[in-house]
Structure formats: structure tokens, C-alpha cells
Amino acid sequence: MKRNDAEQIGDMIRKFFRQNALEAPLNEYRLLQAWKDVVGPAINKYTTNLYIKNQILYVHLASSVLRQELMMGRELLVKNLNKQVGAQVIVNIIFR
């Protein structure tokens, strides 16, 4: 398979997902999976629940100190998570 063929197949798959309203749920799933890669294993260990609703990522943390630290770097986290997925999936993060 040539590179051009692979690109065309990738474009067809993306178009299929977009037309069938599957692109957003797929990107949300990918963002949730990217959380541990972006924040690292130490922070991920304190994460108890992640979900996205209305472009807001909700993160439940077991440490109030860590919650405070992450709140200060929230904008950078939003940027890095969206960058990891390659799409604007979230606009904010709420830590609980």
C-alpha cells in the first residue's frame, strides 16, 4: 500500500466518523486515554474518575494539595490534552 493510499483511507474513515456523528465521542475517548500520558503516572495514581460533559473535563482527585496544583496549571493542561488528541475536545477542566 502506498502512502497516498493510506492517507486516502484515513481521510475516508475520518469523513465516515464525521458524517455519522462519531468523531466527537471518539475524540473524547482518545482524550480520556491521553490523560495518563499527559499528566504522568504519579498524578494519574490520584485520579479516581474522569468524564467529559459539554466540552468540560471533570477530574476527581484523591489529593486536595494536588487539586490545588493542577488548578493553577489548568490552561496548559487543556492545551496539552487537546494537542495530544489533535482536536479541540475540551475548553476547561474542573477538579473535584
PDB file of N, CA and C in Angstrom:
ATOM      1  N   MET A   1       0.845  -1.176   0.000  1.00  0.00           N
ATOM      2  CA  MET A   1       0.000   0.000   0.000  1.00  0.00           C
ATOM      3  C   MET A   1       0.888   1.236   0.000  1.00  0.00           C
ATOM      4  N   LYS A   2       0.604   2.136  -0.870  1.00  0.00           N
ATOM      5  CA  LYS A   2       1.360   3.380  -0.955  1.00  0.00           C
ATOM      6  C   LYS A   2       0.908   4.339   0.133  1.00  0.00           C
ATOM      7  N   ARG A   3       1.776   5.279   0.457  1.00  0.00           N
ATOM      8  CA  ARG A   3       1.447   6.289   1.471  1.00  0.00           C
ATOM      9  C   ARG A   3       0.195   7.070   1.076  1.00  0.00           C
ATOM     10  N   ASN A   4       0.086   7.406  -0.182  1.00  0.00           N
ATOM     11  CA  ASN A   4      -1.066   8.166  -0.655  1.00  0.00           C
ATOM     12  C   ASN A   4      -2.359   7.371  -0.439  1.00  0.00           C
ATOM     13  N   ASP A   5      -2.304   6.054  -0.673  1.00  0.00           N
ATOM     14  CA  ASP A   5      -3.477   5.205  -0.440  1.00  0.00           C
ATOM     15  C   ASP A   5      -3.870   5.227   1.031  1.00  0.00           C
ATOM     16  N   ALA A   6      -2.887   5.154   1.911  1.00  0.00           N
ATOM     17  CA  ALA A   6      -3.155   5.173   3.350  1.00  0.00           C
ATOM     18  C   ALA A   6      -3.779   6.502   3.771  1.00  0.00           C
ATOM     19  N   GLU A   7      -3.290   7.593   3.197  1.00  0.00           N
ATOM     20  CA  GLU A   7      -3.855   8.908   3.509  1.00  0.00           C
ATOM     21  C   GLU A   7      -5.299   8.994   3.035  1.00  0.00           C
ATOM     22  N   GLN A   8      -5.577   8.458   1.856  1.00  0.00           N
ATOM     23  CA  GLN A   8      -6.944   8.481   1.331  1.00  0.00           C
ATOM     24  C   GLN A   8      -7.872   7.636   2.212  1.00  0.00           C
ATOM     25  N   ILE A   9      -7.412   6.487   2.663  1.00  0.00           N
ATOM     26  CA  ILE A   9      -8.213   5.637   3.542  1.00  0.00           C
ATOM     27  C   ILE A   9      -8.456   6.344   4.866  1.00  0.00           C
ATOM     28  N   GLY A  10      -7.430   6.993   5.418  1.00  0.00           N
ATOM     29  CA  GLY A  10      -7.578   7.746   6.659  1.00  0.00           C
ATOM     30  C   GLY A  10      -8.586   8.877   6.507  1.00  0.00           C
ATOM     31  N   ASP A  11      -8.534   9.570   5.369  1.00  0.00           N
ATOM     32  CA  ASP A  11      -9.498  10.645   5.102  1.00  0.00           C
ATOM     33  C   ASP A  11     -10.916  10.089   5.007  1.00  0.00           C
ATOM     34  N   MET A  12     -11.073   8.925   4.373  1.00  0.00           N
ATOM     35  CA  MET A  12     -12.392   8.308   4.248  1.00  0.00           C
ATOM     36  C   MET A  12     -12.939   7.905   5.616  1.00  0.00           C
ATOM     37  N   ILE A  13     -12.085   7.378   6.461  1.00  0.00           N
ATOM     38  CA  ILE A  13     -12.517   6.974   7.798  1.00  0.00           C
ATOM     39  C   ILE A  13     -12.931   8.192   8.612  1.00  0.00           C
ATOM     40  N   ARG A  14     -12.124   9.269   8.578  1.00  0.00           N
ATOM     41  CA  ARG A  14     -12.474  10.497   9.293  1.00  0.00           C
ATOM     42  C   ARG A  14     -13.803  11.068   8.785  1.00  0.00           C
ATOM     43  N   LYS A  15     -13.997  11.051   7.462  1.00  0.00           N
ATOM     44  CA  LYS A  15     -15.239  11.546   6.873  1.00  0.00           C
ATOM     45  C   LYS A  15     -16.428  10.701   7.344  1.00  0.00           C
ATOM     46  N   PHE A  16     -16.255   9.383   7.377  1.00  0.00           N
ATOM     47  CA  PHE A  16     -17.315   8.492   7.853  1.00  0.00           C
ATOM     48  C   PHE A  16     -17.688   8.816   9.295  1.00  0.00           C
ATOM     49  N   PHE A  17     -16.680   8.964  10.165  1.00  0.00           N
ATOM     50  CA  PHE A  17     -16.945   9.293  11.570  1.00  0.00           C
ATOM     51  C   PHE A  17     -17.663  10.633  11.690  1.00  0.00           C
ATOM     52  N   ARG A  18     -17.231  11.623  10.921  1.00  0.00           N
ATOM     53  CA  ARG A  18     -17.832  12.952  10.975  1.00  0.00           C
ATOM     54  C   ARG A  18     -19.292  12.906  10.518  1.00  0.00           C
ATOM     55  N   GLN A  19     -19.555  12.198   9.414  1.00  0.00           N
ATOM     56  CA  GLN A  19     -20.909  12.133   8.872  1.00  0.00           C
ATOM     57  C   GLN A  19     -21.860  11.383   9.808  1.00  0.00           C
ATOM     58  N   ASN A  20     -21.339  10.453  10.564  1.00  0.00           N
ATOM     59  CA  ASN A  20     -22.180   9.645  11.447  1.00  0.00           C
ATOM     60  C   ASN A  20     -22.124  10.107  12.896  1.00  0.00           C
ATOM     61  N   ALA A  21     -21.659  11.331  13.113  1.00  0.00           N
ATOM     62  CA  ALA A  21     -21.595  11.950  14.449  1.00  0.00           C
ATOM     63  C   ALA A  21     -20.815  11.089  15.437  1.00  0.00           C
ATOM     64  N   LEU A  22     -19.782  10.433  14.960  1.00  0.00           N
ATOM     65  CA  LEU A  22     -18.953   9.593  15.825  1.00  0.00           C
ATOM     66  C   LEU A  22     -17.612  10.231  16.135  1.00  0.00           C
ATOM     67  N   GLU A  23     -17.300  11.331  15.456  1.00  0.00           N
ATOM     68  CA  GLU A  23     -15.998  11.966  15.628  1.00  0.00           C
ATOM     69  C   GLU A  23     -15.817  12.514  17.046  1.00  0.00           C
ATOM     70  N   ALA A  24     -16.811  13.225  17.569  1.00  0.00           N
ATOM     71  CA  ALA A  24     -16.703  13.811  18.909  1.00  0.00           C
ATOM     72  C   ALA A  24     -16.563  12.743  19.993  1.00  0.00           C
ATOM     73  N   PRO A  25     -17.413  11.705  20.003  1.00  0.00           N
ATOM     74  CA  PRO A  25     -17.231  10.665  21.031  1.00  0.00           C
ATOM     75  C   PRO A  25     -15.876   9.964  20.932  1.00  0.00           C
ATOM     76  N   LEU A  26     -15.395   9.756  19.716  1.00  0.00           N
ATOM     77  CA  LEU A  26     -14.088   9.125  19.544  1.00  0.00           C
ATOM     78  C   LEU A  26     -12.988  10.023  20.099  1.00  0.00           C
ATOM     79  N   ASN A  27     -13.048  11.318  19.799  1.00  0.00           N
ATOM     80  CA  ASN A  27     -12.049  12.252  20.315  1.00  0.00           C
ATOM     81  C   ASN A  27     -12.118  12.364  21.835  1.00  0.00           C
ATOM     82  N   GLU A  28     -13.328  12.320  22.402  1.00  0.00           N
ATOM     83  CA  GLU A  28     -13.464  12.344  23.860  1.00  0.00           C
ATOM     84  C   GLU A  28     -12.813  11.113  24.473  1.00  0.00           C
ATOM     85  N   TYR A  29     -13.056   9.956  23.882  1.00  0.00           N
ATOM     86  CA  TYR A  29     -12.435   8.721  24.368  1.00  0.00           C
ATOM     87  C   TYR A  29     -10.908   8.829  24.282  1.00  0.00           C
ATOM     88  N   ARG A  30     -10.408   9.334  23.170  1.00  0.00           N
ATOM     89  CA  ARG A  30      -8.962   9.466  22.993  1.00  0.00           C
ATOM     90  C   ARG A  30      -8.367  10.429  24.016  1.00  0.00           C
ATOM     91  N   LEU A  31      -9.089  11.509  24.331  1.00  0.00           N
ATOM     92  CA  LEU A  31      -8.603  12.476  25.314  1.00  0.00           C
ATOM     93  C   LEU A  31      -8.539  11.831  26.704  1.00  0.00           C
ATOM     94  N   LEU A  32      -9.566  11.080  27.065  1.00  0.00           N
ATOM     95  CA  LEU A  32      -9.559  10.410  28.366  1.00  0.00           C
ATOM     96  C   LEU A  32      -8.401   9.418  28.460  1.00  0.00           C
ATOM     97  N   GLN A  33      -8.113   8.741  27.364  1.00  0.00           N
ATOM     98  CA  GLN A  33      -6.992   7.807  27.345  1.00  0.00           C
ATOM     99  C   GLN A  33      -5.647   8.542  27.409  1.00  0.00           C
ATOM    100  N   ALA A  34      -5.606   9.758  26.872  1.00  0.00           N
ATOM    101  CA  ALA A  34      -4.364  10.542  26.854  1.00  0.00           C
ATOM    102  C   ALA A  34      -4.041  11.154  28.218  1.00  0.00           C
ATOM    103  N   TRP A  35      -5.009  11.214  29.127  1.00  0.00           N
ATOM    104  CA  TRP A  35      -4.810  11.834  30.437  1.00  0.00           C
ATOM    105  C   TRP A  35      -3.546  11.317  31.117  1.00  0.00           C
ATOM    106  N   LYS A  36      -3.414   9.994  31.217  1.00  0.00           N
ATOM    107  CA  LYS A  36      -2.268   9.424  31.941  1.00  0.00           C
ATOM    108  C   LYS A  36      -0.938   9.729  31.252  1.00  0.00           C
ATOM    109  N   ASP A  37      -0.960   9.856  29.927  1.00  0.00           N
ATOM    110  CA  ASP A  37       0.273  10.195  29.207  1.00  0.00           C
ATOM    111  C   ASP A  37       0.661  11.658  29.420  1.00  0.00           C
ATOM    112  N   VAL A  38      -0.329  12.533  29.501  1.00  0.00           N
ATOM    113  CA  VAL A  38      -0.063  13.969  29.638  1.00  0.00           C
ATOM    114  C   VAL A  38       0.344  14.321  31.069  1.00  0.00           C
ATOM    115  N   VAL A  39      -0.357  13.773  32.068  1.00  0.00           N
ATOM    116  CA  VAL A  39      -0.055  14.145  33.455  1.00  0.00           C
ATOM    117  C   VAL A  39       0.997  13.258  34.101  1.00  0.00           C
ATOM    118  N   GLY A  40       1.216  12.065  33.565  1.00  0.00           N
ATOM    119  CA  GLY A  40       2.213  11.153  34.116  1.00  0.00           C
ATOM    120  C   GLY A  40       1.614  10.202  35.148  1.00  0.00           C
ATOM    121  N   PRO A  41       2.345   9.140  35.456  1.00  0.00           N
ATOM    122  CA  PRO A  41       1.819   8.101  36.353  1.00  0.00           C
ATOM    123  C   PRO A  41       1.600   8.559  37.792  1.00  0.00           C
ATOM    124  N   ALA A  42       2.413   9.483  38.284  1.00  0.00           N
ATOM    125  CA  ALA A  42       2.278   9.926  39.681  1.00  0.00           C
ATOM    126  C   ALA A  42       0.942  10.634  39.895  1.00  0.00           C
ATOM    127  N   ILE A  43       0.598  11.550  39.010  1.00  0.00           N
ATOM    128  CA  ILE A  43      -0.676  12.269  39.129  1.00  0.00           C
ATOM    129  C   ILE A  43      -1.843  11.342  38.787  1.00  0.00           C
ATOM    130  N   ASN A  44      -1.663  10.516  37.786  1.00  0.00           N
ATOM    131  CA  ASN A  44      -2.719   9.593  37.378  1.00  0.00           C
ATOM    132  C   ASN A  44      -3.132   8.674  38.533  1.00  0.00           C
ATOM    133  N   LYS A  45      -2.192   8.356  39.398  1.00  0.00           N
ATOM    134  CA  LYS A  45      -2.456   7.479  40.535  1.00  0.00           C
ATOM    135  C   LYS A  45      -3.506   8.075  41.477  1.00  0.00           C
ATOM    136  N   TYR A  46      -3.597   9.391  41.551  1.00  0.00           N
ATOM    137  CA  TYR A  46      -4.546  10.069  42.430  1.00  0.00           C
ATOM    138  C   TYR A  46      -5.875  10.404  41.738  1.00  0.00           C
ATOM    139  N   THR A  47      -5.982  10.049  40.465  1.00  0.00           N
ATOM    140  CA  THR A  47      -7.195  10.308  39.698  1.00  0.00           C
ATOM    141  C   THR A  47      -8.166   9.149  39.896  1.00  0.00           C
ATOM    142  N   THR A  48      -9.384   9.480  40.352  1.00  0.00           N
ATOM    143  CA  THR A  48     -10.348   8.412  40.609  1.00  0.00           C
ATOM    144  C   THR A  48     -11.446   8.333  39.562  1.00  0.00           C
ATOM    145  N   ASN A  49     -11.742   9.419  38.866  1.00  0.00           N
ATOM    146  CA  ASN A  49     -12.825   9.402  37.890  1.00  0.00           C
ATOM    147  C   ASN A  49     -12.622  10.538  36.889  1.00  0.00           C
ATOM    148  N   LEU A  50     -12.764  10.226  35.620  1.00  0.00           N
ATOM    149  CA  LEU A  50     -12.654  11.212  34.550  1.00  0.00           C
ATOM    150  C   LEU A  50     -13.875  11.080  33.644  1.00  0.00           C
ATOM    151  N   TYR A  51     -14.473  12.208  33.295  1.00  0.00           N
ATOM    152  CA  TYR A  51     -15.519  12.183  32.273  1.00  0.00           C
ATOM    153  C   TYR A  51     -15.633  13.559  31.646  1.00  0.00           C
ATOM    154  N   ILE A  52     -16.194  13.597  30.443  1.00  0.00           N
ATOM    155  CA  ILE A  52     -16.353  14.842  29.701  1.00  0.00           C
ATOM    156  C   ILE A  52     -17.839  15.082  29.485  1.00  0.00           C
ATOM    157  N   LYS A  53     -18.253  16.325  29.761  1.00  0.00           N
ATOM    158  CA  LYS A  53     -19.632  16.735  29.516  1.00  0.00           C
ATOM    159  C   LYS A  53     -19.610  18.183  29.041  1.00  0.00           C
ATOM    160  N   ASN A  54     -20.215  18.433  27.893  1.00  0.00           N
ATOM    161  CA  ASN A  54     -20.270  19.784  27.316  1.00  0.00           C
ATOM    162  C   ASN A  54     -18.889  20.419  27.183  1.00  0.00           C
ATOM    163  N   GLN A  55     -17.939  19.677  26.669  1.00  0.00           N
ATOM    164  CA  GLN A  55     -16.562  20.127  26.436  1.00  0.00           C
ATOM    165  C   GLN A  55     -15.828  20.501  27.721  1.00  0.00           C
ATOM    166  N   ILE A  56     -16.280  19.997  28.847  1.00  0.00           N
ATOM    167  CA  ILE A  56     -15.592  20.216  30.120  1.00  0.00           C
ATOM    168  C   ILE A  56     -15.150  18.860  30.653  1.00  0.00           C
ATOM    169  N   LEU A  57     -13.871  18.754  30.962  1.00  0.00           N
ATOM    170  CA  LEU A  57     -13.325  17.538  31.556  1.00  0.00           C
ATOM    171  C   LEU A  57     -13.468  17.641  33.070  1.00  0.00           C
ATOM    172  N   TYR A  58     -14.141  16.672  33.658  1.00  0.00           N
ATOM    173  CA  TYR A  58     -14.289  16.599  35.108  1.00  0.00           C
ATOM    174  C   TYR A  58     -13.313  15.554  35.627  1.00  0.00           C
ATOM    175  N   VAL A  59     -12.512  15.957  36.605  1.00  0.00           N
ATOM    176  CA  VAL A  59     -11.481  15.085  37.159  1.00  0.00           C
ATOM    177  C   VAL A  59     -11.654  15.003  38.668  1.00  0.00           C
ATOM    178  N   HIS A  60     -11.838  13.809  39.179  1.00  0.00           N
ATOM    179  CA  HIS A  60     -11.920  13.605  40.618  1.00  0.00           C
ATOM    180  C   HIS A  60     -10.532  13.196  41.106  1.00  0.00           C
ATOM    181  N   LEU A  61     -10.045  13.923  42.102  1.00  0.00           N
ATOM    182  CA  LEU A  61      -8.706  13.673  42.632  1.00  0.00           C
ATOM    183  C   LEU A  61      -8.786  13.296  44.111  1.00  0.00           C
ATOM    184  N   ALA A  62      -7.900  12.410  44.529  1.00  0.00           N
ATOM    185  CA  ALA A  62      -7.870  11.958  45.918  1.00  0.00           C
ATOM    186  C   ALA A  62      -7.013  12.862  46.803  1.00  0.00           C
ATOM    187  N   SER A  63      -6.377  13.867  46.234  1.00  0.00           N
ATOM    188  CA  SER A  63      -5.481  14.744  46.982  1.00  0.00           C
ATOM    189  C   SER A  63      -5.881  16.201  46.789  1.00  0.00           C
ATOM    190  N   SER A  64      -6.193  16.885  47.891  1.00  0.00           N
ATOM    191  CA  SER A  64      -6.561  18.304  47.789  1.00  0.00           C
ATOM    192  C   SER A  64      -5.352  19.164  47.415  1.00  0.00           C
ATOM    193  N   VAL A  65      -4.168  18.769  47.852  1.00  0.00           N
ATOM    194  CA  VAL A  65      -2.945  19.514  47.500  1.00  0.00           C
ATOM    195  C   VAL A  65      -2.700  19.420  45.997  1.00  0.00           C
ATOM    196  N   LEU A  66      -2.833  18.228  45.454  1.00  0.00           N
ATOM    197  CA  LEU A  66      -2.656  18.021  44.016  1.00  0.00           C
ATOM    198  C   LEU A  66      -3.737  18.779  43.239  1.00  0.00           C
ATOM    199  N   ARG A  67      -4.943  18.783  43.742  1.00  0.00           N
ATOM    200  CA  ARG A  67      -6.044  19.509  43.098  1.00  0.00           C
ATOM    201  C   ARG A  67      -5.680  20.983  42.962  1.00  0.00           C
ATOM    202  N   GLN A  68      -5.151  21.560  44.031  1.00  0.00           N
ATOM    203  CA  GLN A  68      -4.761  22.969  44.020  1.00  0.00           C
ATOM    204  C   GLN A  68      -3.652  23.228  42.996  1.00  0.00           C
ATOM    205  N   GLU A  69      -2.673  22.350  42.955  1.00  0.00           N
ATOM    206  CA  GLU A  69      -1.563  22.498  41.990  1.00  0.00           C
ATOM    207  C   GLU A  69      -2.066  22.427  40.554  1.00  0.00           C
ATOM    208  N   LEU A  70      -2.923  21.461  40.282  1.00  0.00           N
ATOM    209  CA  LEU A  70      -3.425  21.291  38.917  1.00  0.00           C
ATOM    210  C   LEU A  70      -4.321  22.454  38.496  1.00  0.00           C
ATOM    211  N   MET A  71      -5.052  23.025  39.441  1.00  0.00           N
ATOM    212  CA  MET A  71      -5.904  24.165  39.114  1.00  0.00           C
ATOM    213  C   MET A  71      -5.073  25.341  38.610  1.00  0.00           C
ATOM    214  N   MET A  72      -3.880  25.499  39.143  1.00  0.00           N
ATOM    215  CA  MET A  72      -3.019  26.603  38.722  1.00  0.00           C
ATOM    216  C   MET A  72      -2.489  26.387  37.298  1.00  0.00           C
ATOM    217  N   GLY A  73      -2.342  25.134  36.883  1.00  0.00           N
ATOM    218  CA  GLY A  73      -1.846  24.840  35.540  1.00  0.00           C
ATOM    219  C   GLY A  73      -2.927  24.358  34.593  1.00  0.00           C
ATOM    220  N   ARG A  74      -4.177  24.684  34.893  1.00  0.00           N
ATOM    221  CA  ARG A  74      -5.326  24.179  34.131  1.00  0.00           C
ATOM    222  C   ARG A  74      -5.261  24.532  32.645  1.00  0.00           C
ATOM    223  N   GLU A  75      -4.935  25.779  32.312  1.00  0.00           N
ATOM    224  CA  GLU A  75      -4.914  26.202  30.900  1.00  0.00           C
ATOM    225  C   GLU A  75      -3.909  25.391  30.088  1.00  0.00           C
ATOM    226  N   LEU A  76      -2.742  25.176  30.663  1.00  0.00           N
ATOM    227  CA  LEU A  76      -1.718  24.390  29.970  1.00  0.00           C
ATOM    228  C   LEU A  76      -2.163  22.936  29.809  1.00  0.00           C
ATOM    229  N   LEU A  77      -2.816  22.393  30.810  1.00  0.00           N
ATOM    230  CA  LEU A  77      -3.326  21.022  30.719  1.00  0.00           C
ATOM    231  C   LEU A  77      -4.363  20.895  29.607  1.00  0.00           C
ATOM    232  N   VAL A  78      -5.284  21.850  29.515  1.00  0.00           N
ATOM    233  CA  VAL A  78      -6.295  21.835  28.453  1.00  0.00           C
ATOM    234  C   VAL A  78      -5.604  21.841  27.093  1.00  0.00           C
ATOM    235  N   LYS A  79      -4.637  22.723  26.946  1.00  0.00           N
ATOM    236  CA  LYS A  79      -3.899  22.842  25.680  1.00  0.00           C
ATOM    237  C   LYS A  79      -3.172  21.538  25.334  1.00  0.00           C
ATOM    238  N   ASN A  80      -2.472  20.962  26.315  1.00  0.00           N
ATOM    239  CA  ASN A  80      -1.701  19.741  26.059  1.00  0.00           C
ATOM    240  C   ASN A  80      -2.587  18.532  25.783  1.00  0.00           C
ATOM    241  N   LEU A  81      -3.717  18.430  26.459  1.00  0.00           N
ATOM    242  CA  LEU A  81      -4.635  17.320  26.204  1.00  0.00           C
ATOM    243  C   LEU A  81      -5.241  17.420  24.806  1.00  0.00           C
ATOM    244  N   ASN A  82      -5.694  18.607  24.435  1.00  0.00           N
ATOM    245  CA  ASN A  82      -6.245  18.794  23.090  1.00  0.00           C
ATOM    246  C   ASN A  82      -5.182  18.529  22.022  1.00  0.00           C
ATOM    247  N   LYS A  83      -3.970  18.973  22.285  1.00  0.00           N
ATOM    248  CA  LYS A  83      -2.870  18.762  21.333  1.00  0.00           C
ATOM    249  C   LYS A  83      -2.588  17.273  21.155  1.00  0.00           C
ATOM    250  N   GLN A  84      -2.634  16.526  22.240  1.00  0.00           N
ATOM    251  CA  GLN A  84      -2.382  15.076  22.195  1.00  0.00           C
ATOM    252  C   GLN A  84      -3.409  14.377  21.300  1.00  0.00           C
ATOM    253  N   VAL A  85      -4.657  14.844  21.333  1.00  0.00           N
ATOM    254  CA  VAL A  85      -5.727  14.247  20.532  1.00  0.00           C
ATOM    255  C   VAL A  85      -5.729  14.808  19.110  1.00  0.00           C
ATOM    256  N   GLY A  86      -5.262  16.030  18.959  1.00  0.00           N
ATOM    257  CA  GLY A  86      -5.241  16.652  17.631  1.00  0.00           C
ATOM    258  C   GLY A  86      -6.540  17.336  17.274  1.00  0.00           C
ATOM    259  N   ALA A  87      -7.327  17.686  18.307  1.00  0.00           N
ATOM    260  CA  ALA A  87      -8.602  18.376  18.078  1.00  0.00           C
ATOM    261  C   ALA A  87      -8.982  19.138  19.340  1.00  0.00           C
ATOM    262  N   GLN A  88      -9.833  20.138  19.190  1.00  0.00           N
ATOM    263  CA  GLN A  88     -10.334  20.886  20.351  1.00  0.00           C
ATOM    264  C   GLN A  88     -11.490  20.084  20.944  1.00  0.00           C
ATOM    265  N   VAL A  89     -11.189  19.286  21.948  1.00  0.00           N
ATOM    266  CA  VAL A  89     -12.182  18.413  22.569  1.00  0.00           C
ATOM    267  C   VAL A  89     -12.744  19.054  23.831  1.00  0.00           C
ATOM    268  N   ILE A  90     -11.872  19.688  24.615  1.00  0.00           N
ATOM    269  CA  ILE A  90     -12.315  20.326  25.855  1.00  0.00           C
ATOM    270  C   ILE A  90     -11.904  21.793  25.859  1.00  0.00           C
ATOM    271  N   VAL A  91     -12.661  22.586  26.626  1.00  0.00           N
ATOM    272  CA  VAL A  91     -12.338  24.013  26.771  1.00  0.00           C
ATOM    273  C   VAL A  91     -11.991  24.344  28.223  1.00  0.00           C
ATOM    274  N   ASN A  92     -12.264  23.409  29.131  1.00  0.00           N
ATOM    275  CA  ASN A  92     -11.995  23.663  30.554  1.00  0.00           C
ATOM    276  C   ASN A  92     -11.864  22.327  31.285  1.00  0.00           C
ATOM    277  N   ILE A  93     -11.287  22.405  32.480  1.00  0.00           N
ATOM    278  CA  ILE A  93     -11.185  21.246  33.359  1.00  0.00           C
ATOM    279  C   ILE A  93     -11.697  21.678  34.739  1.00  0.00           C
ATOM    280  N   ILE A  94     -12.524  20.850  35.319  1.00  0.00           N
ATOM    281  CA  ILE A  94     -12.982  21.081  36.675  1.00  0.00           C
ATOM    282  C   ILE A  94     -12.457  19.949  37.550  1.00  0.00           C
ATOM    283  N   PHE A  95     -11.717  20.324  38.577  1.00  0.00           N
ATOM    284  CA  PHE A  95     -11.145  19.353  39.506  1.00  0.00           C
ATOM    285  C   PHE A  95     -12.054  19.252  40.730  1.00  0.00           C
ATOM    286  N   ARG A  96     -12.327  18.035  41.125  1.00  0.00           N
ATOM    287  CA  ARG A  96     -13.179  17.803  42.296  1.00  0.00           C
ATOM    288  C   ARG A  96     -12.471  16.929  43.287  1.00  0.00           C
TER     289      ARG A  96
END
